[in-house]
N, C-alpha and C. Protein backbone atom coordinates (compact mmCIF):
# COMPACT_ATOMS: atom_id res chain seq x y z
N MET A 1 63.93 47.33 89.40
CA MET A 1 64.78 47.36 88.21
C MET A 1 65.02 48.68 87.65
N VAL A 2 64.11 49.57 87.77
CA VAL A 2 64.39 50.90 87.37
C VAL A 2 65.41 51.65 88.17
N ALA A 3 65.25 51.27 89.56
CA ALA A 3 66.19 52.13 90.52
C ALA A 3 67.57 51.42 90.13
N THR A 4 67.79 50.33 89.83
CA THR A 4 68.97 49.75 89.56
C THR A 4 69.66 50.28 88.26
N ASP A 5 68.74 50.49 87.19
CA ASP A 5 69.13 51.08 85.88
C ASP A 5 69.56 52.57 86.25
N THR A 6 68.75 53.27 87.06
CA THR A 6 69.27 54.46 87.44
C THR A 6 70.46 54.54 88.08
N SER A 7 70.61 53.70 89.06
CA SER A 7 72.00 53.69 89.92
C SER A 7 73.13 53.33 88.97
N ASP A 8 72.89 52.34 88.12
CA ASP A 8 74.10 52.01 87.14
C ASP A 8 74.43 53.31 86.29
N ALA A 9 73.38 53.88 85.68
CA ALA A 9 73.51 55.20 84.98
C ALA A 9 74.20 56.12 85.69
N LEU A 10 73.85 56.40 86.96
CA LEU A 10 74.52 57.65 87.73
C LEU A 10 75.93 57.12 88.05
N ASP A 11 76.19 55.88 88.36
CA ASP A 11 77.57 55.31 88.61
C ASP A 11 78.59 55.55 87.38
N ASN A 12 77.92 55.35 86.14
CA ASN A 12 78.65 55.57 84.93
C ASN A 12 78.81 56.97 84.59
N LEU A 13 77.92 57.89 84.94
CA LEU A 13 77.96 59.18 84.65
C LEU A 13 79.00 59.74 85.56
N GLU A 14 79.10 59.29 86.90
CA GLU A 14 79.95 59.81 87.86
C GLU A 14 81.47 59.45 87.32
N LYS A 15 81.50 58.21 86.77
CA LYS A 15 83.01 57.85 86.32
C LYS A 15 83.34 58.70 85.22
N GLU A 16 82.50 58.96 84.28
CA GLU A 16 82.69 59.80 82.97
C GLU A 16 82.98 61.09 83.38
N LEU A 17 82.30 61.61 84.39
CA LEU A 17 82.47 63.13 84.60
C LEU A 17 83.95 63.32 85.42
N VAL A 18 84.27 62.27 86.21
CA VAL A 18 85.59 62.31 86.82
C VAL A 18 86.68 62.32 85.59
N THR A 19 86.48 61.25 84.63
CA THR A 19 87.41 61.36 83.60
C THR A 19 87.49 62.61 82.76
N LEU A 20 86.19 63.20 82.43
CA LEU A 20 86.17 64.40 81.75
C LEU A 20 86.93 65.52 82.40
N ALA A 21 86.70 65.62 83.86
CA ALA A 21 87.43 66.63 84.50
C ALA A 21 88.98 66.46 84.54
N ARG A 22 89.43 65.21 84.55
CA ARG A 22 90.73 64.93 84.39
C ARG A 22 91.28 65.46 83.04
N ARG A 23 90.65 65.18 82.13
CA ARG A 23 91.08 65.55 80.70
C ARG A 23 91.18 66.86 80.54
N LEU A 24 90.02 67.71 81.04
CA LEU A 24 89.96 69.01 80.95
C LEU A 24 91.00 69.77 81.64
N ARG A 25 91.49 69.17 82.70
CA ARG A 25 92.58 69.82 83.56
C ARG A 25 93.88 69.70 82.60
N GLY A 26 93.93 68.58 82.05
CA GLY A 26 95.27 68.35 81.07
C GLY A 26 95.22 69.39 79.86
N LEU A 27 93.83 69.54 79.41
CA LEU A 27 93.82 70.50 78.31
C LEU A 27 94.01 71.84 78.70
N GLN A 28 93.49 72.38 79.86
CA GLN A 28 93.83 73.58 80.56
C GLN A 28 95.03 73.74 80.74
N ARG A 29 96.05 72.92 81.07
CA ARG A 29 97.40 73.18 81.17
C ARG A 29 98.05 73.38 79.85
N THR A 30 97.66 72.46 79.01
CA THR A 30 98.12 72.89 77.59
C THR A 30 97.82 74.19 76.90
N LEU A 31 96.55 74.62 77.23
CA LEU A 31 96.12 76.00 76.65
C LEU A 31 96.76 77.01 77.51
N SER A 32 97.05 76.81 78.90
CA SER A 32 97.73 77.94 79.45
C SER A 32 99.10 78.03 78.99
N ASP A 33 99.85 77.04 78.48
CA ASP A 33 101.12 77.06 77.93
C ASP A 33 100.99 77.94 76.58
N GLU A 34 99.89 77.67 75.98
CA GLU A 34 99.70 78.32 74.63
C GLU A 34 99.59 79.86 74.83
N ALA A 35 98.69 80.19 75.90
CA ALA A 35 98.50 81.62 76.15
C ALA A 35 99.67 82.39 76.62
N HIS A 36 100.49 81.73 77.42
CA HIS A 36 101.84 82.31 77.81
C HIS A 36 102.67 81.05 78.40
N PRO A 37 103.90 80.99 77.94
CA PRO A 37 104.66 79.98 78.37
C PRO A 37 104.74 79.79 79.93
N ASP A 38 104.96 80.86 80.65
CA ASP A 38 105.01 80.89 82.09
C ASP A 38 103.78 81.00 82.84
N LEU A 39 102.61 80.90 82.14
CA LEU A 39 101.34 81.03 82.85
C LEU A 39 100.80 79.87 83.43
N GLU A 40 100.47 79.88 84.70
CA GLU A 40 99.90 78.76 85.22
C GLU A 40 98.36 78.54 84.71
N PRO A 41 97.85 77.28 84.93
CA PRO A 41 96.41 77.03 84.44
C PRO A 41 95.35 77.93 85.24
N ALA A 42 95.58 78.05 86.60
CA ALA A 42 94.72 78.86 87.28
C ALA A 42 94.67 80.42 86.69
N GLN A 43 95.87 80.87 86.34
CA GLN A 43 96.07 82.24 85.71
C GLN A 43 95.52 82.33 84.43
N TYR A 44 95.58 81.37 83.50
CA TYR A 44 94.79 81.18 82.34
C TYR A 44 93.35 81.27 82.53
N ALA A 45 92.79 80.51 83.64
CA ALA A 45 91.42 80.63 83.74
C ALA A 45 90.92 81.90 84.33
N LEU A 46 91.84 82.60 85.07
CA LEU A 46 91.47 83.92 85.67
C LEU A 46 91.28 84.96 84.33
N LEU A 47 92.23 84.90 83.53
CA LEU A 47 92.20 85.65 82.26
C LEU A 47 90.85 85.48 81.44
N ASN A 48 90.50 84.22 81.54
CA ASN A 48 89.21 83.99 80.71
C ASN A 48 88.04 84.67 81.34
N HIS A 49 88.08 84.60 82.75
CA HIS A 49 87.04 85.25 83.55
C HIS A 49 86.98 86.79 83.46
N VAL A 50 88.27 87.38 83.49
CA VAL A 50 88.24 88.74 83.31
C VAL A 50 87.77 89.20 82.09
N GLU A 51 88.11 88.44 80.90
CA GLU A 51 87.71 88.88 79.64
C GLU A 51 86.17 88.66 79.57
N GLU A 52 85.49 87.78 80.20
CA GLU A 52 83.96 87.40 80.29
C GLU A 52 83.30 88.48 81.04
N LEU A 53 83.93 89.03 82.26
CA LEU A 53 83.27 89.88 82.98
C LEU A 53 83.69 91.42 82.94
N ALA A 54 84.75 91.62 82.10
CA ALA A 54 85.29 92.90 82.19
C ALA A 54 84.31 94.05 81.88
N PRO A 55 84.69 95.36 82.29
CA PRO A 55 85.57 95.43 83.42
C PRO A 55 84.96 94.98 84.71
N VAL A 56 85.90 94.25 85.44
CA VAL A 56 85.31 93.66 86.69
C VAL A 56 86.01 94.03 87.84
N ARG A 57 85.47 94.06 89.12
CA ARG A 57 85.97 94.49 90.28
C ARG A 57 86.71 93.33 90.81
N MET A 58 87.71 93.44 91.53
CA MET A 58 88.44 92.33 92.30
C MET A 58 87.35 91.52 92.97
N ALA A 59 86.74 92.09 93.93
CA ALA A 59 85.65 91.52 94.68
C ALA A 59 84.75 90.56 93.91
N ASP A 60 84.26 91.15 92.71
CA ASP A 60 83.21 90.38 91.89
C ASP A 60 84.03 89.12 91.32
N LEU A 61 85.17 89.29 90.80
CA LEU A 61 86.00 88.29 90.17
C LEU A 61 86.26 87.10 91.21
N VAL A 62 86.63 87.53 92.50
CA VAL A 62 86.74 86.52 93.63
C VAL A 62 85.57 85.75 93.84
N ALA A 63 84.24 86.41 93.70
CA ALA A 63 83.13 85.80 93.98
C ALA A 63 82.83 84.80 92.85
N ALA A 64 83.22 85.24 91.51
CA ALA A 64 82.87 84.51 90.26
C ALA A 64 83.66 83.17 90.31
N LEU A 65 85.02 83.36 90.86
CA LEU A 65 85.89 82.16 90.97
C LEU A 65 85.70 81.34 92.05
N GLU A 66 85.00 81.81 93.13
CA GLU A 66 84.72 81.19 94.31
C GLU A 66 86.03 80.65 94.96
N VAL A 67 87.15 81.56 95.26
CA VAL A 67 88.20 81.26 95.91
C VAL A 67 88.55 82.49 96.80
N ASP A 68 89.65 82.44 97.47
CA ASP A 68 90.05 83.38 98.36
C ASP A 68 90.62 84.60 97.68
N LYS A 69 90.57 85.84 98.28
CA LYS A 69 90.97 86.85 97.60
C LYS A 69 92.57 87.07 97.34
N GLY A 70 93.25 86.42 98.34
CA GLY A 70 94.74 86.44 98.25
C GLY A 70 95.31 85.96 96.98
N PRO A 71 94.93 84.71 96.69
CA PRO A 71 95.55 83.87 95.45
C PRO A 71 95.13 84.85 94.14
N VAL A 72 93.96 85.38 94.19
CA VAL A 72 93.47 86.00 92.98
C VAL A 72 94.32 87.26 92.86
N SER A 73 94.51 87.94 93.99
CA SER A 73 95.02 89.17 93.99
C SER A 73 96.58 89.18 93.53
N ARG A 74 97.18 87.97 93.97
CA ARG A 74 98.56 87.58 93.52
C ARG A 74 98.66 87.33 92.02
N ALA A 75 97.66 86.51 91.58
CA ALA A 75 97.61 86.25 90.38
C ALA A 75 97.47 87.48 89.34
N CYS A 76 96.49 88.41 89.75
CA CYS A 76 96.40 89.63 89.05
C CYS A 76 97.54 90.19 88.92
N ALA A 77 98.21 90.48 90.08
CA ALA A 77 99.54 91.11 90.09
C ALA A 77 100.48 90.61 89.05
N ARG A 78 100.59 89.39 89.17
CA ARG A 78 101.65 88.56 88.04
C ARG A 78 101.06 88.84 86.65
N LEU A 79 99.97 88.79 86.31
CA LEU A 79 99.33 88.96 84.98
C LEU A 79 99.52 90.51 84.63
N GLU A 80 99.44 91.33 85.64
CA GLU A 80 99.67 92.69 85.09
C GLU A 80 101.16 92.85 85.03
N GLU A 81 102.14 92.31 85.53
CA GLU A 81 103.46 92.37 85.33
C GLU A 81 103.89 91.75 84.03
N GLU A 82 102.99 90.72 83.66
CA GLU A 82 103.27 90.02 82.17
C GLU A 82 102.77 90.79 81.19
N GLY A 83 102.08 91.91 81.57
CA GLY A 83 101.38 92.88 80.41
C GLY A 83 100.06 92.27 79.82
N LEU A 84 99.44 91.27 80.44
CA LEU A 84 98.20 90.81 80.04
C LEU A 84 96.97 91.22 80.71
N LEU A 85 97.12 91.95 81.76
CA LEU A 85 96.02 92.37 82.55
C LEU A 85 96.30 93.88 82.86
N LYS A 86 95.33 94.71 82.93
CA LYS A 86 95.43 96.07 83.64
C LYS A 86 94.50 96.42 84.66
N ARG A 87 94.68 97.25 85.39
CA ARG A 87 93.99 97.75 86.51
C ARG A 87 93.75 99.33 86.19
N ALA A 88 92.44 99.73 86.49
CA ALA A 88 92.17 101.16 86.37
C ALA A 88 91.20 101.56 87.52
N ALA A 89 91.15 102.63 87.76
CA ALA A 89 90.50 103.14 89.13
C ALA A 89 89.03 102.97 88.58
N ASP A 90 88.02 102.73 89.53
CA ASP A 90 86.71 102.67 89.25
C ASP A 90 86.04 104.00 89.60
N LYS A 91 85.60 104.62 88.47
CA LYS A 91 85.15 106.03 88.68
C LYS A 91 83.95 106.16 89.49
N SER A 92 83.17 105.00 89.79
CA SER A 92 81.96 105.19 90.64
C SER A 92 82.28 104.83 92.10
N ASP A 93 83.66 104.49 92.26
CA ASP A 93 83.99 104.06 93.68
C ASP A 93 85.60 104.24 93.73
N ALA A 94 86.14 105.15 94.30
CA ALA A 94 87.58 105.48 94.28
C ALA A 94 88.34 104.46 95.02
N ARG A 95 87.77 103.57 95.90
CA ARG A 95 88.46 102.51 96.69
C ARG A 95 88.60 101.26 95.80
N ALA A 96 87.90 101.15 94.65
CA ALA A 96 87.87 99.92 93.84
C ALA A 96 88.67 100.14 92.64
N THR A 97 89.12 99.07 92.08
CA THR A 97 89.71 99.03 90.93
C THR A 97 89.11 98.02 90.03
N LEU A 98 89.14 98.38 88.68
CA LEU A 98 88.51 97.46 87.48
C LEU A 98 89.76 96.71 86.73
N LEU A 99 89.41 95.53 86.53
CA LEU A 99 90.36 94.73 85.72
C LEU A 99 89.90 94.52 84.38
N THR A 100 90.75 94.63 83.46
CA THR A 100 90.38 94.39 81.97
C THR A 100 91.84 93.61 81.36
N LEU A 101 91.64 93.18 80.29
CA LEU A 101 92.73 92.54 79.67
C LEU A 101 93.30 93.66 78.81
N THR A 102 94.78 93.44 78.70
CA THR A 102 95.26 94.09 77.84
C THR A 102 95.15 93.84 76.25
N ALA A 103 95.64 94.58 75.45
CA ALA A 103 95.53 94.05 74.00
C ALA A 103 96.47 92.75 73.87
N ALA A 104 97.52 92.65 74.52
CA ALA A 104 98.36 91.40 74.36
C ALA A 104 97.54 90.43 75.15
N GLY A 105 96.93 90.66 76.17
CA GLY A 105 96.19 89.57 76.84
C GLY A 105 94.98 89.00 76.06
N LYS A 106 94.35 89.99 75.37
CA LYS A 106 93.42 89.54 74.37
C LYS A 106 93.85 88.62 73.22
N ARG A 107 95.10 88.93 72.82
CA ARG A 107 95.76 88.20 71.70
C ARG A 107 96.19 86.83 72.01
N LYS A 108 96.69 86.74 73.25
CA LYS A 108 97.09 85.51 73.81
C LYS A 108 95.93 84.62 74.08
N LEU A 109 94.77 85.10 74.58
CA LEU A 109 93.62 84.23 74.81
C LEU A 109 93.00 83.76 73.52
N ALA A 110 92.96 84.82 72.51
CA ALA A 110 92.48 84.32 71.23
C ALA A 110 93.21 83.26 70.54
N ALA A 111 94.54 83.42 70.68
CA ALA A 111 95.30 82.22 70.14
C ALA A 111 95.10 80.98 70.71
N ALA A 112 95.07 80.99 72.09
CA ALA A 112 94.75 79.65 72.91
C ALA A 112 93.30 79.26 72.62
N ARG A 113 92.44 80.16 72.31
CA ARG A 113 90.98 79.70 72.15
C ARG A 113 91.01 79.10 70.80
N LYS A 114 91.75 79.66 69.82
CA LYS A 114 91.82 78.92 68.47
C LYS A 114 92.21 77.58 68.48
N LYS A 115 93.34 77.37 69.47
CA LYS A 115 93.82 76.03 69.65
C LYS A 115 92.96 75.08 70.32
N ARG A 116 92.24 75.64 71.26
CA ARG A 116 91.18 74.89 71.98
C ARG A 116 90.25 74.31 70.97
N HIS A 117 89.79 75.24 70.15
CA HIS A 117 88.58 74.72 69.19
C HIS A 117 89.35 73.78 68.26
N LYS A 118 90.45 73.74 67.78
CA LYS A 118 91.13 72.78 67.04
C LYS A 118 91.08 71.46 67.61
N VAL A 119 91.49 71.50 68.96
CA VAL A 119 91.55 70.27 69.65
C VAL A 119 90.08 69.55 69.98
N ILE A 120 89.22 70.51 70.22
CA ILE A 120 87.90 69.95 70.36
C ILE A 120 87.35 69.41 68.92
N GLU A 121 87.53 70.15 67.91
CA GLU A 121 87.30 69.80 66.60
C GLU A 121 87.75 68.29 66.20
N ASP A 122 89.08 68.18 66.39
CA ASP A 122 89.63 67.03 66.23
C ASP A 122 89.21 65.86 66.95
N LEU A 123 88.78 66.12 68.22
CA LEU A 123 88.08 65.05 69.12
C LEU A 123 86.89 64.68 68.52
N LEU A 124 86.23 65.53 67.98
CA LEU A 124 84.81 65.39 67.65
C LEU A 124 84.62 65.25 66.08
N LYS A 125 85.68 65.07 65.49
CA LYS A 125 85.64 64.84 63.89
C LYS A 125 84.74 63.94 63.39
N ASP A 126 84.44 62.92 64.11
CA ASP A 126 83.60 61.70 63.51
C ASP A 126 82.00 61.99 63.97
N TRP A 127 81.83 63.26 64.66
CA TRP A 127 80.49 63.61 65.21
C TRP A 127 79.81 64.32 64.22
N SER A 128 78.45 64.24 64.00
CA SER A 128 77.69 65.05 63.03
C SER A 128 77.53 66.44 63.74
N PRO A 129 77.20 67.55 62.95
CA PRO A 129 76.98 68.82 63.55
C PRO A 129 75.89 68.73 64.58
N THR A 130 74.63 67.89 64.35
CA THR A 130 73.71 67.68 65.25
C THR A 130 74.06 67.18 66.46
N GLN A 131 75.11 66.05 66.39
CA GLN A 131 75.59 65.52 67.74
C GLN A 131 76.44 66.54 68.52
N VAL A 132 77.14 67.40 67.90
CA VAL A 132 77.92 68.30 68.43
C VAL A 132 77.01 69.35 69.29
N LYS A 133 76.03 69.81 68.58
CA LYS A 133 75.03 70.73 69.01
C LYS A 133 74.35 70.17 70.20
N THR A 134 73.89 68.95 70.16
CA THR A 134 73.18 68.18 71.25
C THR A 134 74.03 68.01 72.35
N PHE A 135 75.23 67.70 72.19
CA PHE A 135 76.13 67.63 73.35
C PHE A 135 76.42 69.08 73.97
N ALA A 136 76.69 69.96 73.29
CA ALA A 136 76.96 71.34 73.78
C ALA A 136 75.70 71.69 74.46
N THR A 137 74.45 71.50 74.13
CA THR A 137 73.34 71.95 74.88
C THR A 137 73.24 71.04 76.19
N GLN A 138 73.41 69.88 76.06
CA GLN A 138 73.34 69.03 77.29
C GLN A 138 74.40 69.35 78.46
N VAL A 139 75.60 69.68 77.85
CA VAL A 139 76.75 70.34 78.87
C VAL A 139 76.31 71.63 79.46
N SER A 140 75.67 72.52 78.68
CA SER A 140 75.14 73.66 79.21
C SER A 140 74.08 73.54 80.15
N ARG A 141 73.26 72.59 79.76
CA ARG A 141 72.02 72.35 80.79
C ARG A 141 72.62 71.85 82.05
N PHE A 142 73.63 70.95 82.02
CA PHE A 142 74.14 70.39 83.27
C PHE A 142 74.96 71.49 84.05
N ASN A 143 75.70 72.33 83.25
CA ASN A 143 76.41 73.31 84.01
C ASN A 143 75.59 74.50 84.64
N LYS A 144 74.36 74.69 84.29
CA LYS A 144 73.48 75.57 84.70
C LYS A 144 72.82 75.02 86.01
N LEU A 145 72.64 73.73 86.17
CA LEU A 145 72.19 73.08 87.49
C LEU A 145 73.32 73.45 88.58
N ALA A 146 74.57 73.53 88.30
CA ALA A 146 75.62 73.82 89.33
C ALA A 146 75.52 75.23 89.87
N ASP A 147 75.01 76.13 89.03
CA ASP A 147 74.93 77.56 89.34
C ASP A 147 73.97 77.76 90.52
């Protein structure tokens, strides 16, 4: 009986995670539009990673994103053209460049983050602060398992 309960719970969890992932992709598209009208969701995610890791070498960014270098390099070039990202020589290694956000990039992300918080706040408006904190803790715990 316990195995069946666990199996049912895992089936439900898997279904809910798939639904959550789909909804998060939709939210990501909306937020990337907020950050910059011509910005693709993957580029928005890249800006978030650069902000989090900056200053960051391209190789370290590629490793963090777990994708091929080519698409990341092209996305960085586009973001640099848009004035949202800048490259600077790495003083410790002349062969490497460090990526950081420009002031415009930081402003765009801040505006999008504010919108994201509002969307999440609206979704959870009927939840108590304790429920929100518990949910955040559980999602964080789950995410750490995947690292």
